[in-house]
Amino acid sequence: MRPANVPAAMNDLLRLASIARSIGVLVLSVGLAGCGAIGGSSPGPSRALVHPTGATQLILRYEQGGGFVPPGFLATEAPTFSLYGDRTAIFRNPRDANPVPDSTASTLIRGVPYQITHLSEAQVQALLAFAFDTGGLRSADATYELPIADAPTTVFTINADGITKTVVVNGLGIDTANGQHAQILAKLLALATRLQGYGSEVSNEQPWSPDRYRGLLGEDPGNNPMAWPWPAISPADFVQTAASTTLRFPMRTLTLAEVARLGISGVEGGIQGVSLKAPSGGKVYSFRLRPLLPDESY
């Protein structure tokens, strides 16, 4: 004969089994949500990466310059990609068009103009996550000096997730046998490649026009100088600054109205190969123009 309390015990077991099934479903649901990759979609950052939000606050930058090039080209080099806190990205690909003289009879050379776009916060988060982890910036050292003479230098700057750092690499992508640093350098090269071609990732970019320029005077005058265009500005107003310490070019910040007095069109990407004749004394200077980005003060 079955004890009288068996039905009650069976009921308790059934209730426990039902609770266990409910807990199992809940755990499975939480696990799937945590994966963030249902149906093959790419997972985003596991948490939000906090970053500045100001229109002139830089959060990610890629630039490359230097190497075996004339000083005049060094003077007009500018970052390739800059992302600001308000989610504005300003970028260009220097390989889009090689700078060439305006004509066979001219020395005027125009730089590649910039494009501008505004990203969503999701795009910013994805790009920062890529830069930190896939691109190696989170674990990278400050400097990598590869044994390559006269090679260009690549500089990454990031300011997000409580980390502000600059990573400088000499000869990135040139030296393929870089020993103990091979893995991190491969990551940095992937980041550089992506940021240099960032225009291919967006479709709503527009031409960007700077609101200020850096004008530079040099002691290497060319032929057929133009008349000095500024009645209120003299060569003495172009001075050495921290930005010109290594280049040795006296410089001055020029407004749009001052640049317009040159009478040269298509200067948004910068120019070089211009000669100006001083208003007094007749001295001739070389002149170069470089666009200033929102975070740059001179």
Protein backbone atom coordinates (compact mmCIF):
# COMPACT_ATOMS: atom_id res chain seq x y z
CA MET A 1 0.00 0.00 0.00
CA ARG A 2 1.34 3.50 -1.00
CA PRO A 3 1.77 5.93 1.95
CA ALA A 4 -0.87 8.61 2.16
CA ASN A 5 1.60 11.48 1.77
CA VAL A 6 2.99 10.37 -1.65
CA PRO A 7 0.60 12.53 -3.78
CA ALA A 8 1.66 15.64 -1.88
CA ALA A 9 5.32 14.76 -2.35
CA MET A 10 4.76 14.23 -6.07
CA ASN A 11 3.09 17.63 -6.34
CA ASP A 12 6.10 19.23 -4.65
CA LEU A 13 8.44 17.53 -7.12
CA LEU A 14 6.40 18.73 -10.07
CA ARG A 15 6.49 22.31 -8.78
CA LEU A 16 10.27 22.11 -8.35
CA ALA A 17 10.68 20.76 -11.88
CA SER A 18 8.59 23.63 -13.27
CA ILE A 19 10.71 26.20 -11.39
CA ALA A 20 13.91 24.58 -12.70
CA ARG A 21 12.66 24.75 -16.29
CA SER A 22 11.81 28.46 -15.84
CA ILE A 23 15.27 29.19 -14.45
CA GLY A 24 16.87 27.33 -17.38
CA VAL A 25 14.97 29.41 -19.91
CA LEU A 26 15.93 32.62 -18.11
CA VAL A 27 19.63 31.66 -18.02
CA LEU A 28 19.57 30.78 -21.73
CA SER A 29 17.92 34.11 -22.58
CA VAL A 30 20.48 36.08 -20.60
CA GLY A 31 23.29 34.12 -22.24
CA LEU A 32 22.01 34.88 -25.74
CA ALA A 33 21.59 38.56 -24.94
CA GLY A 34 25.13 38.72 -23.61
CA CYS A 35 26.52 37.23 -26.82
CA GLY A 36 25.10 40.08 -28.90
CA ALA A 37 25.66 38.12 -32.12
CA ILE A 38 22.36 36.61 -33.12
CA GLY A 39 21.98 35.68 -36.77
CA GLY A 40 25.62 36.45 -37.58
CA SER A 41 25.54 40.15 -36.63
CA SER A 42 28.78 41.66 -35.32
CA PRO A 43 28.86 42.38 -31.61
CA GLY A 44 29.34 45.96 -30.52
CA PRO A 45 31.36 47.11 -27.51
CA SER A 46 30.39 45.20 -24.36
CA ARG A 47 30.08 48.56 -22.57
CA ALA A 48 29.96 52.19 -23.55
CA LEU A 49 33.36 53.83 -23.99
CA VAL A 50 33.09 57.26 -22.38
CA HIS A 51 34.61 60.10 -24.41
CA PRO A 52 34.64 63.91 -24.47
CA THR A 53 31.71 65.50 -26.29
CA GLY A 54 33.04 68.92 -27.35
CA ALA A 55 33.26 69.99 -30.99
CA THR A 56 36.98 70.74 -30.63
CA GLN A 57 37.84 67.87 -28.29
CA LEU A 58 39.82 65.25 -30.18
CA ILE A 59 39.02 61.61 -29.39
CA LEU A 60 40.79 59.76 -32.23
CA ARG A 61 43.40 60.83 -34.79
CA TYR A 62 45.65 59.24 -37.38
CA GLU A 63 48.43 61.11 -39.14
CA GLN A 64 51.48 60.17 -41.13
CA GLY A 65 54.32 62.37 -42.27
CA GLY A 66 58.01 62.92 -42.52
CA GLY A 67 60.39 60.66 -44.31
CA PHE A 68 62.55 61.52 -47.28
CA VAL A 69 60.56 64.50 -48.61
CA PRO A 70 61.42 68.20 -49.12
CA PRO A 71 60.90 70.52 -46.12
CA GLY A 72 58.14 72.32 -48.00
CA PHE A 73 56.02 69.17 -48.00
CA LEU A 74 56.67 68.66 -44.30
CA ALA A 75 55.41 72.17 -43.61
CA THR A 76 52.01 71.51 -45.15
CA GLU A 77 51.43 68.00 -43.79
CA ALA A 78 48.24 67.59 -41.76
CA PRO A 79 46.39 64.70 -40.06
CA THR A 80 44.61 62.22 -42.30
CA PHE A 81 41.70 61.41 -39.94
CA SER A 82 40.33 63.27 -36.91
CA LEU A 83 37.26 62.37 -34.83
CA TYR A 84 35.86 64.90 -32.36
CA GLY A 85 33.69 64.60 -29.28
CA ASP A 86 30.56 65.85 -31.05
CA ARG A 87 30.93 62.84 -33.41
CA THR A 88 32.30 64.92 -36.30
CA ALA A 89 34.90 63.17 -38.45
CA ILE A 90 37.18 65.15 -40.80
CA PHE A 91 39.32 63.06 -43.11
CA ARG A 92 41.10 62.76 -46.42
CA ASN A 93 43.09 60.10 -48.20
CA PRO A 94 46.41 61.57 -49.38
CA ARG A 95 46.49 58.89 -52.08
CA ASP A 96 43.24 60.06 -53.67
CA ALA A 97 45.17 62.44 -55.89
CA ASN A 98 48.89 63.09 -55.99
CA PRO A 99 49.65 66.81 -55.60
CA VAL A 100 50.80 68.14 -58.96
CA PRO A 101 51.61 71.63 -60.25
CA ASP A 102 48.67 73.70 -61.44
CA SER A 103 50.04 73.54 -64.97
CA THR A 104 53.31 72.87 -66.74
CA ALA A 105 54.11 76.58 -66.48
CA SER A 106 53.22 76.89 -62.78
CA THR A 107 54.78 75.85 -59.49
CA LEU A 108 51.47 76.02 -57.58
CA ILE A 109 50.60 72.68 -55.95
CA ARG A 110 47.24 72.07 -54.26
CA GLY A 111 46.80 69.59 -51.41
CA VAL A 112 44.03 66.97 -51.28
CA PRO A 113 40.91 68.57 -49.73
CA TYR A 114 39.15 67.15 -46.69
CA GLN A 115 35.72 65.60 -46.29
CA ILE A 116 33.45 65.91 -43.24
CA THR A 117 30.74 63.63 -41.85
CA HIS A 118 28.78 63.24 -38.62
CA LEU A 119 28.69 59.77 -37.09
CA SER A 120 26.07 58.19 -34.87
CA GLU A 121 27.11 57.34 -31.33
CA ALA A 122 26.93 53.66 -32.29
CA GLN A 123 29.44 54.29 -35.10
CA VAL A 124 31.72 56.17 -32.71
CA GLN A 125 31.56 53.34 -30.17
CA ALA A 126 32.34 50.72 -32.81
CA LEU A 127 35.28 52.73 -34.16
CA LEU A 128 36.74 53.39 -30.71
CA ALA A 129 36.39 49.71 -29.80
CA PHE A 130 38.20 48.77 -33.02
CA ALA A 131 40.96 51.31 -32.35
CA PHE A 132 41.50 50.16 -28.77
CA ASP A 133 41.43 46.40 -29.29
CA THR A 134 41.60 45.23 -32.92
CA GLY A 135 43.82 48.24 -33.70
CA GLY A 136 46.03 47.68 -30.66
CA LEU A 137 46.00 51.16 -29.09
CA ARG A 138 44.96 49.95 -25.64
CA SER A 139 48.09 47.84 -25.17
CA ALA A 140 50.52 49.64 -27.49
CA ASP A 141 53.68 51.29 -26.20
CA ALA A 142 54.21 55.01 -26.72
CA THR A 143 56.98 54.60 -29.32
CA TYR A 144 58.21 52.00 -31.80
CA GLU A 145 61.50 52.92 -33.47
CA LEU A 146 61.97 50.53 -36.36
CA PRO A 147 65.43 50.41 -37.97
CA ILE A 148 64.37 52.12 -41.20
CA ALA A 149 66.10 55.29 -42.35
CA ASP A 150 64.13 58.18 -43.87
CA ALA A 151 60.80 56.40 -43.33
CA PRO A 152 57.55 58.25 -42.62
CA THR A 153 56.29 58.40 -39.05
CA THR A 154 52.77 57.35 -38.09
CA VAL A 155 51.10 58.94 -35.08
CA PHE A 156 47.88 57.75 -33.41
CA THR A 157 46.10 59.79 -30.73
CA ILE A 158 43.18 58.52 -28.66
CA ASN A 159 41.24 60.05 -25.77
CA ALA A 160 38.42 57.82 -24.51
CA ASP A 161 37.56 55.26 -21.83
CA GLY A 162 39.73 57.16 -19.33
CA ILE A 163 42.81 56.69 -21.52
CA THR A 164 44.67 59.50 -23.24
CA LYS A 165 47.71 58.38 -25.19
CA THR A 166 49.77 58.92 -28.31
CA VAL A 167 51.46 56.08 -30.18
CA VAL A 168 54.31 56.91 -32.59
CA VAL A 169 55.66 54.36 -35.07
CA ASN A 170 58.56 54.88 -37.46
CA GLY A 171 58.20 53.00 -40.74
CA LEU A 172 54.86 51.33 -40.01
CA GLY A 173 54.11 48.74 -42.67
CA ILE A 174 57.56 48.89 -44.23
CA ASP A 175 59.45 46.55 -41.92
CA THR A 176 57.64 43.20 -42.05
CA ALA A 177 60.13 41.31 -39.85
CA ASN A 178 59.74 43.25 -36.65
CA GLY A 179 60.39 40.50 -34.10
CA GLN A 180 58.80 40.80 -30.70
CA HIS A 181 56.56 43.69 -31.78
CA ALA A 182 55.20 41.98 -34.91
CA GLN A 183 51.73 41.32 -33.49
CA ILE A 184 51.04 44.80 -32.15
CA LEU A 185 52.51 46.46 -35.26
CA ALA A 186 50.21 44.36 -37.44
CA LYS A 187 47.25 45.63 -35.41
CA LEU A 188 48.41 49.25 -35.73
CA LEU A 189 48.83 48.80 -39.47
CA ALA A 190 45.25 47.51 -39.72
CA LEU A 191 44.04 50.60 -37.86
CA ALA A 192 46.06 52.92 -40.09
CA THR A 193 44.71 51.23 -43.21
CA ARG A 194 41.13 51.56 -42.02
CA LEU A 195 41.42 55.23 -41.03
CA GLN A 196 43.25 56.18 -44.22
CA GLY A 197 40.41 54.72 -46.26
CA TYR A 198 37.62 55.78 -43.94
CA GLY A 199 35.76 57.52 -46.74
CA SER A 200 34.76 54.11 -48.09
CA GLU A 201 32.82 53.39 -44.88
CA VAL A 202 30.49 56.39 -45.08
CA SER A 203 28.18 57.74 -47.76
CA ASN A 204 27.03 61.09 -46.39
CA GLU A 205 30.34 62.97 -46.39
CA GLN A 206 30.57 66.53 -47.68
CA PRO A 207 33.53 68.74 -48.67
CA TRP A 208 35.03 70.44 -45.63
CA SER A 209 36.23 74.04 -45.75
CA PRO A 210 38.50 75.23 -42.91
CA ASP A 211 37.79 78.56 -41.22
CA ARG A 212 41.49 79.27 -40.54
CA TYR A 213 44.79 78.48 -42.19
CA ARG A 214 48.44 78.40 -41.25
CA GLY A 215 50.52 80.58 -43.55
CA LEU A 216 54.25 79.83 -43.69
CA LEU A 217 57.08 81.91 -45.14
CA GLY A 218 60.29 80.34 -46.38
CA GLU A 219 63.70 81.46 -47.56
CA ASP A 220 63.52 79.39 -50.75
CA PRO A 221 61.88 81.81 -53.22
CA GLY A 222 60.71 80.71 -56.64
CA ASN A 223 60.28 82.50 -59.93
CA ASN A 224 57.53 84.92 -60.93
CA PRO A 225 56.62 86.13 -57.42
CA MET A 226 53.19 87.58 -56.69
CA ALA A 227 52.78 91.01 -55.15
CA TRP A 228 52.45 90.98 -51.36
CA PRO A 229 48.64 90.69 -50.84
CA TRP A 230 48.17 92.01 -47.28
CA PRO A 231 48.37 95.77 -46.58
CA ALA A 232 48.01 95.23 -42.81
CA ILE A 233 50.37 92.25 -42.54
CA SER A 234 54.14 92.35 -42.98
CA PRO A 235 56.69 89.50 -43.19
CA ALA A 236 57.65 90.31 -39.60
CA ASP A 237 54.16 89.19 -38.51
CA PHE A 238 55.10 85.63 -39.45
CA VAL A 239 56.95 84.27 -36.41
CA GLN A 240 58.41 81.09 -35.01
CA THR A 241 56.02 79.09 -32.80
CA ALA A 242 56.06 75.74 -31.06
CA ALA A 243 54.62 74.19 -34.23
CA SER A 244 57.53 75.50 -36.31
CA THR A 245 60.37 74.55 -33.96
CA THR A 246 61.57 71.68 -36.12
CA LEU A 247 60.46 73.08 -39.49
CA ARG A 248 62.00 76.54 -39.01
CA PHE A 249 59.27 78.25 -40.99
CA PRO A 250 57.90 81.52 -39.56
CA MET A 251 54.11 81.24 -39.55
CA ARG A 252 50.91 83.14 -38.92
CA THR A 253 47.26 82.13 -38.58
CA LEU A 254 45.30 83.56 -41.50
CA THR A 255 41.55 84.15 -41.68
CA LEU A 256 39.38 83.30 -44.67
CA ALA A 257 39.33 86.95 -45.70
CA GLU A 258 43.13 87.14 -45.57
CA VAL A 259 43.51 83.93 -47.59
CA ALA A 260 41.04 85.26 -50.17
CA ARG A 261 43.40 88.17 -50.89
CA LEU A 262 45.80 85.69 -52.50
CA GLY A 263 43.30 85.33 -55.34
CA ILE A 264 43.95 81.58 -55.61
CA SER A 265 41.03 79.15 -55.81
CA GLY A 266 40.90 75.59 -54.49
CA VAL A 267 43.06 76.15 -51.43
CA GLU A 268 40.94 74.05 -49.00
CA GLY A 269 43.54 71.26 -48.88
CA GLY A 270 46.47 73.66 -48.63
CA ILE A 271 48.91 74.99 -51.23
CA GLN A 272 52.63 75.30 -51.84
CA GLY A 273 54.87 76.54 -54.60
CA VAL A 274 53.82 80.20 -54.28
CA SER A 275 56.29 83.10 -54.14
CA LEU A 276 55.48 86.49 -52.60
CA LYS A 277 57.42 89.71 -53.01
CA ALA A 278 57.67 91.74 -49.81
CA PRO A 279 56.08 95.23 -49.91
CA SER A 280 59.34 96.94 -48.95
CA GLY A 281 62.87 95.97 -49.83
CA GLY A 282 61.80 93.69 -52.63
CA LYS A 283 62.72 90.47 -50.83
CA VAL A 284 61.01 87.36 -52.22
CA TYR A 285 59.67 84.61 -49.96
CA SER A 286 58.22 81.19 -50.62
CA PHE A 287 54.71 80.83 -49.22
CA ARG A 288 52.76 77.78 -48.11
CA LEU A 289 49.26 77.38 -46.75
CA ARG A 290 47.97 74.59 -44.52
CA PRO A 291 44.38 74.15 -43.28
CA LEU A 292 43.89 74.27 -39.51
CA LEU A 293 41.64 71.63 -37.97
CA PRO A 294 39.09 72.50 -35.23
CA ASP A 295 41.40 71.55 -32.34
CA GLU A 296 44.47 73.36 -33.73
CA SER A 297 45.17 76.85 -32.45
CA TYR A 298 47.88 77.95 -34.92
